[in-house]
Amino acid sequence: MIQLEAKEIIEQEKLKRYNWFNEHPHRENEVGIRVDGVQWAVYVTDERASVVTASITKFNNESDALDNFIIRIRTEKLLF
């Protein structure tokens, strides 16, 4: 998956509760994606907007990270 595809999915499915490459400060109960050096990290935040350390998954390529990011946002949509 590439960024354009991920953005299209987010728009088409009206997905919410996400932080796209640190576009805003952490908010409560959201899924985030960021670049940490040469790795991509996907994570979730808790009810206090803190990153849940155990939720962080790191990837060596953007495509796999974006796939995981979309899966997690879809899960959040079902929960909230």
C-alpha atoms as a PDB file:
ATOM      1  CA  MET A   1       0.000   0.000   0.000  1.00  0.00           C
ATOM      2  CA  ILE A   2       1.130   3.552  -0.651  1.00  0.00           C
ATOM      3  CA  GLN A   3       0.124   6.741   1.155  1.00  0.00           C
ATOM      4  CA  LEU A   4      -2.348   7.757  -1.560  1.00  0.00           C
ATOM      5  CA  GLU A   5      -4.179   4.423  -1.264  1.00  0.00           C
ATOM      6  CA  ALA A   6      -4.316   4.690   2.514  1.00  0.00           C
ATOM      7  CA  LYS A   7      -5.723   8.227   2.342  1.00  0.00           C
ATOM      8  CA  GLU A   8      -8.371   7.088  -0.164  1.00  0.00           C
ATOM      9  CA  ILE A   9      -9.446   4.249   2.149  1.00  0.00           C
ATOM     10  CA  ILE A  10      -9.637   6.634   5.098  1.00  0.00           C
ATOM     11  CA  GLU A  11     -11.810   9.027   3.101  1.00  0.00           C
ATOM     12  CA  GLN A  12     -14.051   6.397   1.474  1.00  0.00           C
ATOM     13  CA  GLU A  13     -14.692   4.525   4.719  1.00  0.00           C
ATOM     14  CA  LYS A  14     -14.950   7.740   6.752  1.00  0.00           C
ATOM     15  CA  LEU A  15     -12.378   6.462   9.212  1.00  0.00           C
ATOM     16  CA  LYS A  16     -11.583   8.633  12.209  1.00  0.00           C
ATOM     17  CA  ARG A  17      -9.441   8.564  15.324  1.00  0.00           C
ATOM     18  CA  TYR A  18      -6.053   8.543  13.647  1.00  0.00           C
ATOM     19  CA  ASN A  19      -2.868  10.572  13.630  1.00  0.00           C
ATOM     20  CA  TRP A  20      -1.247  10.690  10.215  1.00  0.00           C
ATOM     21  CA  PHE A  21       2.518  11.094  10.644  1.00  0.00           C
ATOM     22  CA  ASN A  22       2.194  13.339  13.720  1.00  0.00           C
ATOM     23  CA  GLU A  23      -0.141  15.841  12.045  1.00  0.00           C
ATOM     24  CA  HIS A  24      -1.406  16.813  15.504  1.00  0.00           C
ATOM     25  CA  PRO A  25      -0.558  16.162  19.173  1.00  0.00           C
ATOM     26  CA  HIS A  26      -1.696  12.793  20.492  1.00  0.00           C
ATOM     27  CA  ARG A  27      -5.396  12.507  21.234  1.00  0.00           C
ATOM     28  CA  GLU A  28      -7.184   9.903  23.276  1.00  0.00           C
ATOM     29  CA  ASN A  29      -7.985   6.522  21.759  1.00  0.00           C
ATOM     30  CA  GLU A  30      -6.457   6.995  18.343  1.00  0.00           C
ATOM     31  CA  VAL A  31      -4.199   5.040  16.014  1.00  0.00           C
ATOM     32  CA  GLY A  32      -1.008   6.709  14.888  1.00  0.00           C
ATOM     33  CA  ILE A  33       1.686   6.180  12.325  1.00  0.00           C
ATOM     34  CA  ARG A  34       5.092   7.849  12.347  1.00  0.00           C
ATOM     35  CA  VAL A  35       8.601   7.459  11.017  1.00  0.00           C
ATOM     36  CA  ASP A  36      11.256   6.636  13.608  1.00  0.00           C
ATOM     37  CA  GLY A  37      14.553   7.059  11.816  1.00  0.00           C
ATOM     38  CA  VAL A  38      14.542   4.356   9.141  1.00  0.00           C
ATOM     39  CA  GLN A  39      11.539   2.481  10.539  1.00  0.00           C
ATOM     40  CA  TRP A  40       7.811   3.158  10.537  1.00  0.00           C
ATOM     41  CA  ALA A  41       5.902   2.763  13.777  1.00  0.00           C
ATOM     42  CA  VAL A  42       2.173   2.148  14.223  1.00  0.00           C
ATOM     43  CA  TYR A  43       0.707   2.617  17.696  1.00  0.00           C
ATOM     44  CA  VAL A  44      -2.454   3.371  19.673  1.00  0.00           C
ATOM     45  CA  THR A  45      -3.090   5.863  22.434  1.00  0.00           C
ATOM     46  CA  ASP A  46      -5.090   5.335  25.597  1.00  0.00           C
ATOM     47  CA  GLU A  47      -7.849   7.371  27.250  1.00  0.00           C
ATOM     48  CA  ARG A  48      -5.214   9.848  28.474  1.00  0.00           C
ATOM     49  CA  ALA A  49      -3.711  10.302  25.004  1.00  0.00           C
ATOM     50  CA  SER A  50      -0.531   8.441  25.983  1.00  0.00           C
ATOM     51  CA  VAL A  51       1.037   5.995  23.569  1.00  0.00           C
ATOM     52  CA  VAL A  52       0.491   2.436  24.764  1.00  0.00           C
ATOM     53  CA  THR A  53       4.032   1.090  24.687  1.00  0.00           C
ATOM     54  CA  ALA A  54       2.913  -2.501  24.115  1.00  0.00           C
ATOM     55  CA  SER A  55       0.940  -1.399  21.051  1.00  0.00           C
ATOM     56  CA  ILE A  56       3.934  -0.095  19.110  1.00  0.00           C
ATOM     57  CA  THR A  57       4.772  -2.195  16.088  1.00  0.00           C
ATOM     58  CA  LYS A  58       7.752  -1.239  13.936  1.00  0.00           C
ATOM     59  CA  PHE A  59       8.161  -1.950  10.239  1.00  0.00           C
ATOM     60  CA  ASN A  60      11.083  -1.781   7.843  1.00  0.00           C
ATOM     61  CA  ASN A  61       8.914  -0.528   4.987  1.00  0.00           C
ATOM     62  CA  GLU A  62       6.109   1.961   4.641  1.00  0.00           C
ATOM     63  CA  SER A  63       3.767  -0.388   2.785  1.00  0.00           C
ATOM     64  CA  ASP A  64       3.510  -2.902   5.630  1.00  0.00           C
ATOM     65  CA  ALA A  65       3.139  -0.084   8.163  1.00  0.00           C
ATOM     66  CA  LEU A  66       0.286   1.472   6.190  1.00  0.00           C
ATOM     67  CA  ASP A  67      -1.474  -1.895   5.901  1.00  0.00           C
ATOM     68  CA  ASN A  68      -1.298  -2.320   9.678  1.00  0.00           C
ATOM     69  CA  PHE A  69      -2.362   1.292  10.257  1.00  0.00           C
ATOM     70  CA  ILE A  70      -5.529   0.856   8.172  1.00  0.00           C
ATOM     71  CA  ILE A  71      -6.392  -2.440   9.886  1.00  0.00           C
ATOM     72  CA  ARG A  72      -6.070  -0.782  13.290  1.00  0.00           C
ATOM     73  CA  ILE A  73      -8.156   2.255  12.311  1.00  0.00           C
ATOM     74  CA  ARG A  74     -10.881  -0.048  11.056  1.00  0.00           C
ATOM     75  CA  THR A  75     -10.809  -1.853  14.407  1.00  0.00           C
ATOM     76  CA  GLU A  76     -11.090   1.462  16.274  1.00  0.00           C
ATOM     77  CA  LYS A  77     -14.123   2.335  14.144  1.00  0.00           C
ATOM     78  CA  LEU A  78     -15.855  -0.830  15.388  1.00  0.00           C
ATOM     79  CA  LEU A  79     -15.009  -0.048  19.013  1.00  0.00           C
ATOM     80  CA  PHE A  80     -16.130   3.571  19.048  1.00  0.00           C
END
